[in-house]
Protein backbone atom coordinates (compact mmCIF):
# COMPACT_ATOMS: atom_id res chain seq x y z
CA UNK A 1 27.98 22.20 -22.82
CA UNK A 2 29.85 22.32 -19.53
CA UNK A 3 27.80 19.55 -17.91
CA UNK A 4 26.21 16.35 -19.22
CA UNK A 5 22.52 16.50 -20.06
CA UNK A 6 21.68 14.53 -16.92
CA UNK A 7 24.11 16.22 -14.50
CA UNK A 8 21.30 17.93 -12.58
CA UNK A 9 18.63 15.28 -13.08
CA UNK A 10 16.31 15.18 -10.07
CA UNK A 11 17.37 18.65 -8.92
CA UNK A 12 14.95 21.58 -8.77
CA UNK A 13 16.55 25.03 -8.93
CA UNK A 14 14.79 28.36 -8.47
CA UNK A 15 16.31 31.14 -10.59
CA UNK A 16 15.39 34.77 -9.90
CA UNK A 17 15.92 37.43 -12.55
CA UNK A 18 15.37 34.65 -15.08
CA UNK A 19 13.84 36.86 -17.76
CA UNK A 20 17.12 38.30 -19.00
CA UNK A 21 20.90 38.33 -18.83
CA UNK A 22 22.72 36.02 -16.46
CA UNK A 23 19.54 34.60 -14.93
CA UNK A 24 18.22 33.70 -18.37
CA UNK A 25 21.43 31.94 -19.40
CA UNK A 26 21.59 30.11 -16.07
CA UNK A 27 18.05 28.78 -16.47
CA UNK A 28 18.72 27.60 -20.02
CA UNK A 29 21.98 25.85 -19.08
CA UNK A 30 20.34 24.20 -16.09
CA UNK A 31 17.48 22.70 -18.10
CA UNK A 32 19.94 21.49 -20.74
CA UNK A 33 21.80 19.77 -17.90
CA UNK A 34 18.68 17.99 -16.67
CA UNK A 35 17.49 20.30 -13.89
CA UNK A 36 13.89 21.30 -13.30
CA UNK A 37 13.74 25.07 -13.00
CA UNK A 38 11.33 27.60 -11.55
CA UNK A 39 11.72 30.76 -13.63
CA UNK A 40 10.82 33.96 -11.84
CA UNK A 41 10.88 37.63 -12.75
CA UNK A 42 8.45 40.50 -13.25
CA UNK A 43 7.90 40.22 -17.02
CA UNK A 44 5.75 37.24 -18.03
CA UNK A 45 6.34 37.71 -21.76
CA UNK A 46 10.10 37.56 -21.35
CA UNK A 47 9.83 34.58 -19.00
CA UNK A 48 7.74 32.74 -21.58
CA UNK A 49 10.44 33.39 -24.19
CA UNK A 50 13.04 31.89 -21.84
CA UNK A 51 10.78 28.93 -21.09
CA UNK A 52 10.48 28.28 -24.82
CA UNK A 53 14.29 28.18 -25.13
CA UNK A 54 14.42 25.80 -22.18
CA UNK A 55 12.33 23.31 -24.15
CA UNK A 56 15.55 22.14 -25.81
CA UNK A 57 16.62 20.77 -22.43
CA UNK A 58 15.44 17.70 -20.55
CA UNK A 59 14.34 19.44 -17.36
CA UNK A 60 10.85 20.69 -16.57
CA UNK A 61 10.10 24.38 -16.04
CA UNK A 62 7.44 26.54 -14.49
CA UNK A 63 6.95 30.31 -14.46
CA UNK A 64 6.11 32.32 -11.36
CA UNK A 65 5.76 36.05 -11.99
CA UNK A 66 6.87 37.91 -8.88
CA UNK A 67 8.10 41.29 -7.65
CA UNK A 68 10.58 40.18 -5.01
CA UNK A 69 10.30 43.50 -3.18
CA UNK A 70 6.79 42.44 -2.17
CA UNK A 71 6.41 40.02 0.75
CA UNK A 72 3.24 38.47 -0.70
CA UNK A 73 4.99 37.76 -4.01
CA UNK A 74 7.96 36.19 -2.25
CA UNK A 75 5.64 33.95 -0.26
CA UNK A 76 3.74 32.94 -3.38
CA UNK A 77 7.00 32.10 -5.16
CA UNK A 78 8.08 29.86 -2.30
CA UNK A 79 4.72 28.12 -2.13
CA UNK A 80 4.46 27.50 -5.88
CA UNK A 81 8.07 26.32 -6.04
CA UNK A 82 7.50 23.77 -3.27
CA UNK A 83 4.26 22.61 -4.89
CA UNK A 84 6.17 22.03 -8.13
CA UNK A 85 9.03 19.99 -6.65
CA UNK A 86 11.25 19.97 -3.55
CA UNK A 87 13.80 22.78 -3.88
CA UNK A 88 17.47 21.80 -4.08
CA UNK A 89 18.98 25.09 -5.20
CA UNK A 90 18.43 28.84 -5.33
CA UNK A 91 20.13 31.27 -7.71
CA UNK A 92 19.65 34.89 -6.65
CA UNK A 93 20.25 36.65 -9.96
CA UNK A 94 17.75 39.53 -9.76
CA UNK A 95 19.36 42.96 -9.39
CA UNK A 96 19.47 46.58 -10.47
CA UNK A 97 22.21 48.96 -11.54
CA UNK A 98 22.82 52.14 -9.54
CA UNK A 99 25.57 54.51 -10.69
CA UNK A 100 25.83 57.74 -8.69
CA UNK A 101 28.35 59.95 -7.00
CA UNK A 102 27.55 60.29 -3.30
CA UNK A 103 26.38 63.90 -3.57
CA UNK A 104 24.01 63.01 -6.42
CA UNK A 105 22.22 59.92 -5.04
CA UNK A 106 18.48 60.50 -4.57
CA UNK A 107 17.29 58.79 -1.41
CA UNK A 108 14.78 56.70 -3.34
CA UNK A 109 17.55 55.39 -5.63
CA UNK A 110 19.74 54.43 -2.68
CA UNK A 111 16.83 52.62 -1.08
CA UNK A 112 15.98 50.90 -4.38
CA UNK A 113 19.55 49.59 -4.78
CA UNK A 114 19.58 48.15 -1.29
CA UNK A 115 16.00 46.87 -1.52
CA UNK A 116 16.45 44.97 -4.77
CA UNK A 117 20.09 43.90 -4.54
CA UNK A 118 20.21 43.04 -0.85
CA UNK A 119 16.99 43.16 1.20
CA UNK A 120 14.76 41.16 -1.15
CA UNK A 121 17.59 38.69 -1.83
CA UNK A 122 18.07 38.13 1.89
CA UNK A 123 14.38 37.82 2.69
CA UNK A 124 13.72 35.41 -0.18
CA UNK A 125 16.73 33.29 0.80
CA UNK A 126 15.41 33.20 4.37
CA UNK A 127 12.17 31.64 3.11
CA UNK A 128 13.81 29.00 0.92
CA UNK A 129 16.62 28.28 3.38
CA UNK A 130 14.11 27.36 6.07
CA UNK A 131 12.63 24.75 3.73
CA UNK A 132 15.99 23.51 2.44
CA UNK A 133 17.21 22.87 5.99
CA UNK A 134 14.44 20.31 6.45
CA UNK A 135 15.98 18.21 3.65
CA UNK A 136 19.55 18.86 4.79
CA UNK A 137 20.93 19.37 1.31
CA UNK A 138 21.22 22.06 -1.30
CA UNK A 139 23.15 24.97 -2.74
CA UNK A 140 22.59 28.71 -2.90
CA UNK A 141 24.42 30.97 -5.35
CA UNK A 142 24.16 34.75 -5.08
CA UNK A 143 25.02 37.15 -7.87
CA UNK A 144 27.49 39.63 -6.42
CA UNK A 145 30.03 41.62 -8.44
CA UNK A 146 33.63 42.76 -8.53
CA UNK A 147 31.98 45.91 -7.14
CA UNK A 148 31.16 43.84 -4.07
CA UNK A 149 34.85 43.18 -3.50
CA UNK A 150 36.40 46.62 -4.05
CA UNK A 151 35.02 50.10 -4.36
CA UNK A 152 34.82 51.80 -7.75
CA UNK A 153 34.49 55.40 -8.89
CA UNK A 154 30.92 56.68 -9.17
CA UNK A 155 29.28 53.53 -7.81
CA UNK A 156 28.64 54.26 -4.13
CA UNK A 157 25.15 52.78 -3.92
CA UNK A 158 25.80 49.79 -6.19
CA UNK A 159 29.05 48.86 -4.43
CA UNK A 160 27.40 49.16 -1.03
CA UNK A 161 24.58 46.82 -2.06
CA UNK A 162 26.97 44.25 -3.53
CA UNK A 163 29.35 44.41 -0.54
CA UNK A 164 26.26 43.56 1.52
CA UNK A 165 25.63 40.50 -0.69
CA UNK A 166 29.24 39.37 -0.22
CA UNK A 167 29.02 39.68 3.55
CA UNK A 168 25.66 37.92 3.61
CA UNK A 169 27.07 35.09 1.51
CA UNK A 170 30.01 34.53 3.84
CA UNK A 171 27.96 34.71 7.04
CA UNK A 172 25.18 32.42 5.82
CA UNK A 173 27.77 29.96 4.51
CA UNK A 174 28.99 29.41 8.09
CA UNK A 175 25.43 28.65 9.25
CA UNK A 176 24.16 26.69 6.25
CA UNK A 177 26.96 24.16 5.88
CA UNK A 178 25.87 22.65 9.20
CA UNK A 179 22.73 21.58 7.32
CA UNK A 180 24.74 20.41 4.29
CA UNK A 181 23.76 23.50 2.29
CA UNK A 182 26.55 25.27 0.40
CA UNK A 183 26.38 29.04 -0.07
CA UNK A 184 28.60 30.90 -2.53
CA UNK A 185 28.55 33.88 -4.86
CA UNK A 186 29.82 34.81 -8.29
CA UNK A 187 31.50 38.19 -8.71
CA UNK A 188 31.77 39.19 -12.37
CA UNK A 189 33.02 42.48 -13.74
CA UNK A 190 31.38 43.94 -16.84
CA UNK A 191 29.24 41.30 -18.56
CA UNK A 192 27.88 41.53 -22.09
CA UNK A 193 24.22 41.85 -21.09
CA UNK A 194 21.65 44.63 -21.26
CA UNK A 195 22.53 45.66 -17.71
CA UNK A 196 26.26 45.41 -18.38
CA UNK A 197 25.98 47.67 -21.41
CA UNK A 198 24.04 50.19 -19.32
CA UNK A 199 26.88 50.16 -16.80
CA UNK A 200 29.44 50.82 -19.54
CA UNK A 201 27.23 53.58 -20.97
CA UNK A 202 26.97 55.23 -17.54
CA UNK A 203 30.74 55.15 -17.12
CA UNK A 204 31.21 56.55 -20.63
CA UNK A 205 28.95 59.48 -19.76
CA UNK A 206 30.83 60.16 -16.51
CA UNK A 207 34.18 60.07 -18.30
CA UNK A 208 33.07 62.10 -21.33
CA UNK A 209 33.62 59.28 -23.81
CA UNK A 210 31.46 57.57 -26.41
CA UNK A 211 30.00 54.18 -25.58
CA UNK A 212 32.21 52.57 -28.21
CA UNK A 213 35.36 54.11 -26.71
CA UNK A 214 34.41 52.99 -23.21
CA UNK A 215 33.53 49.50 -24.38
CA UNK A 216 36.91 49.15 -26.04
CA UNK A 217 38.64 50.39 -22.87
CA UNK A 218 36.68 47.88 -20.79
CA UNK A 219 37.85 45.07 -23.07
CA UNK A 220 41.46 46.16 -23.38
CA UNK A 221 41.66 46.70 -19.62
CA UNK A 222 41.28 42.95 -19.10
CA UNK A 223 44.32 40.73 -19.68
CA UNK A 224 41.95 38.44 -21.59
CA UNK A 225 41.20 41.33 -23.94
CA UNK A 226 37.44 40.91 -23.84
CA UNK A 227 34.25 41.23 -21.80
CA UNK A 228 32.77 38.23 -19.98
CA UNK A 229 29.67 36.64 -21.51
CA UNK A 230 26.48 35.80 -19.60
CA UNK A 231 27.02 32.17 -20.55
CA UNK A 232 30.40 32.12 -18.83
CA UNK A 233 28.90 33.48 -15.62
CA UNK A 234 26.07 30.93 -15.87
CA UNK A 235 28.61 28.13 -16.28
CA UNK A 236 30.32 29.20 -13.07
CA UNK A 237 26.96 29.27 -11.29
CA UNK A 238 26.25 25.70 -12.45
CA UNK A 239 29.64 24.62 -11.15
CA UNK A 240 28.84 26.10 -7.73
CA UNK A 241 25.47 24.34 -7.71
CA UNK A 242 27.06 21.02 -8.63
CA UNK A 243 28.71 18.33 -6.55
CA UNK A 244 32.00 19.25 -8.23
CA UNK A 245 32.21 22.19 -5.79
CA UNK A 246 31.39 20.24 -2.63
CA UNK A 247 34.10 21.87 -0.48
CA UNK A 248 33.78 25.40 -1.86
CA UNK A 249 32.04 27.31 0.92
CA UNK A 250 31.39 31.05 1.29
CA UNK A 251 33.43 32.07 -1.73
CA UNK A 252 32.86 34.93 -4.14
CA UNK A 253 34.26 33.57 -7.38
CA UNK A 254 35.75 36.38 -9.45
CA UNK A 255 35.10 36.42 -13.20
CA UNK A 256 37.22 39.36 -14.24
CA UNK A 257 39.12 38.41 -17.37
CA UNK A 258 42.22 38.74 -15.21
CA UNK A 259 41.61 42.36 -14.20
CA UNK A 260 41.40 41.54 -10.48
CA UNK A 261 43.99 38.98 -9.37
CA UNK A 262 43.79 38.64 -5.61
C-alpha cells in the first residue's frame, strides 16, 4: 500500500465513476487508507461489488446511484454525500471514450463526449465546491488524459473534451486555493482497464491491425515497456488528495510510462 491504513482517517471523499476502472481502484485504495467514501455511478450491482471489496479497508462507504448528466441526480448525490459526512475531497473519474475522425463524428456523439467528460464534471464540481468553500479545506482531482495535453490521430471529440478538463482544472485551481482547496488532474495514457482496452481496439481497427498487435505496440512505445495499471493511476490520485501534495496546484500529472516527457 502507498499510504498507511489511517492516512485518510476522518476524510470523506466522493468518487464518481466508482463502478469500474480507475474510479473503482481509487475507491478501494482510499478505504484501505482510512477514508470514508461515497461511491457513485450508474450501475448499482457493480457499485455493490466495489463496496464489498472496500470492506477490507477501515473507512466507511455508501452508494449513491446517479446519472451525472441529470441535474436532479447531481443534486441528490450532493445532498446524500453531505448527509453522510462533510465532504473533504472529490474525484471526478466518470468519463466516456469517443474515437472519431472529424468527418465521421455524429453530432450526438460529440455532444455526449462533451456532456459526460466536461459539462457534468464541471456542474457537479460546482455543487461540491460551493460546500467545500464553507469549510475552507479540501482537494479535487479530475481525470484528464494525455489526450488532454496533446492532440492525437482519430480522437477529435475525446481530445477536445479532455483539453476542456485540463483548462477547467487550471482555472479553478487559481480560484479554489484562496479557500485552501487544491485542484489538480491526472493525465494517463493507455490504462489497462475496460475503457483502455476499448481505446486500443479502436486504434487497432483504424490502423488495420489486430488488437494483440496494437496492444504490443502500445506497450513497446513506452520507455517503461508496459501499459499503466488502474492501481498506479489511483495511487497518484491519492497522492494529490493527500497533504503530501500541499503545494501542487493546477497540475495535470502525466502517467505515460515515459512516452511524453515534457
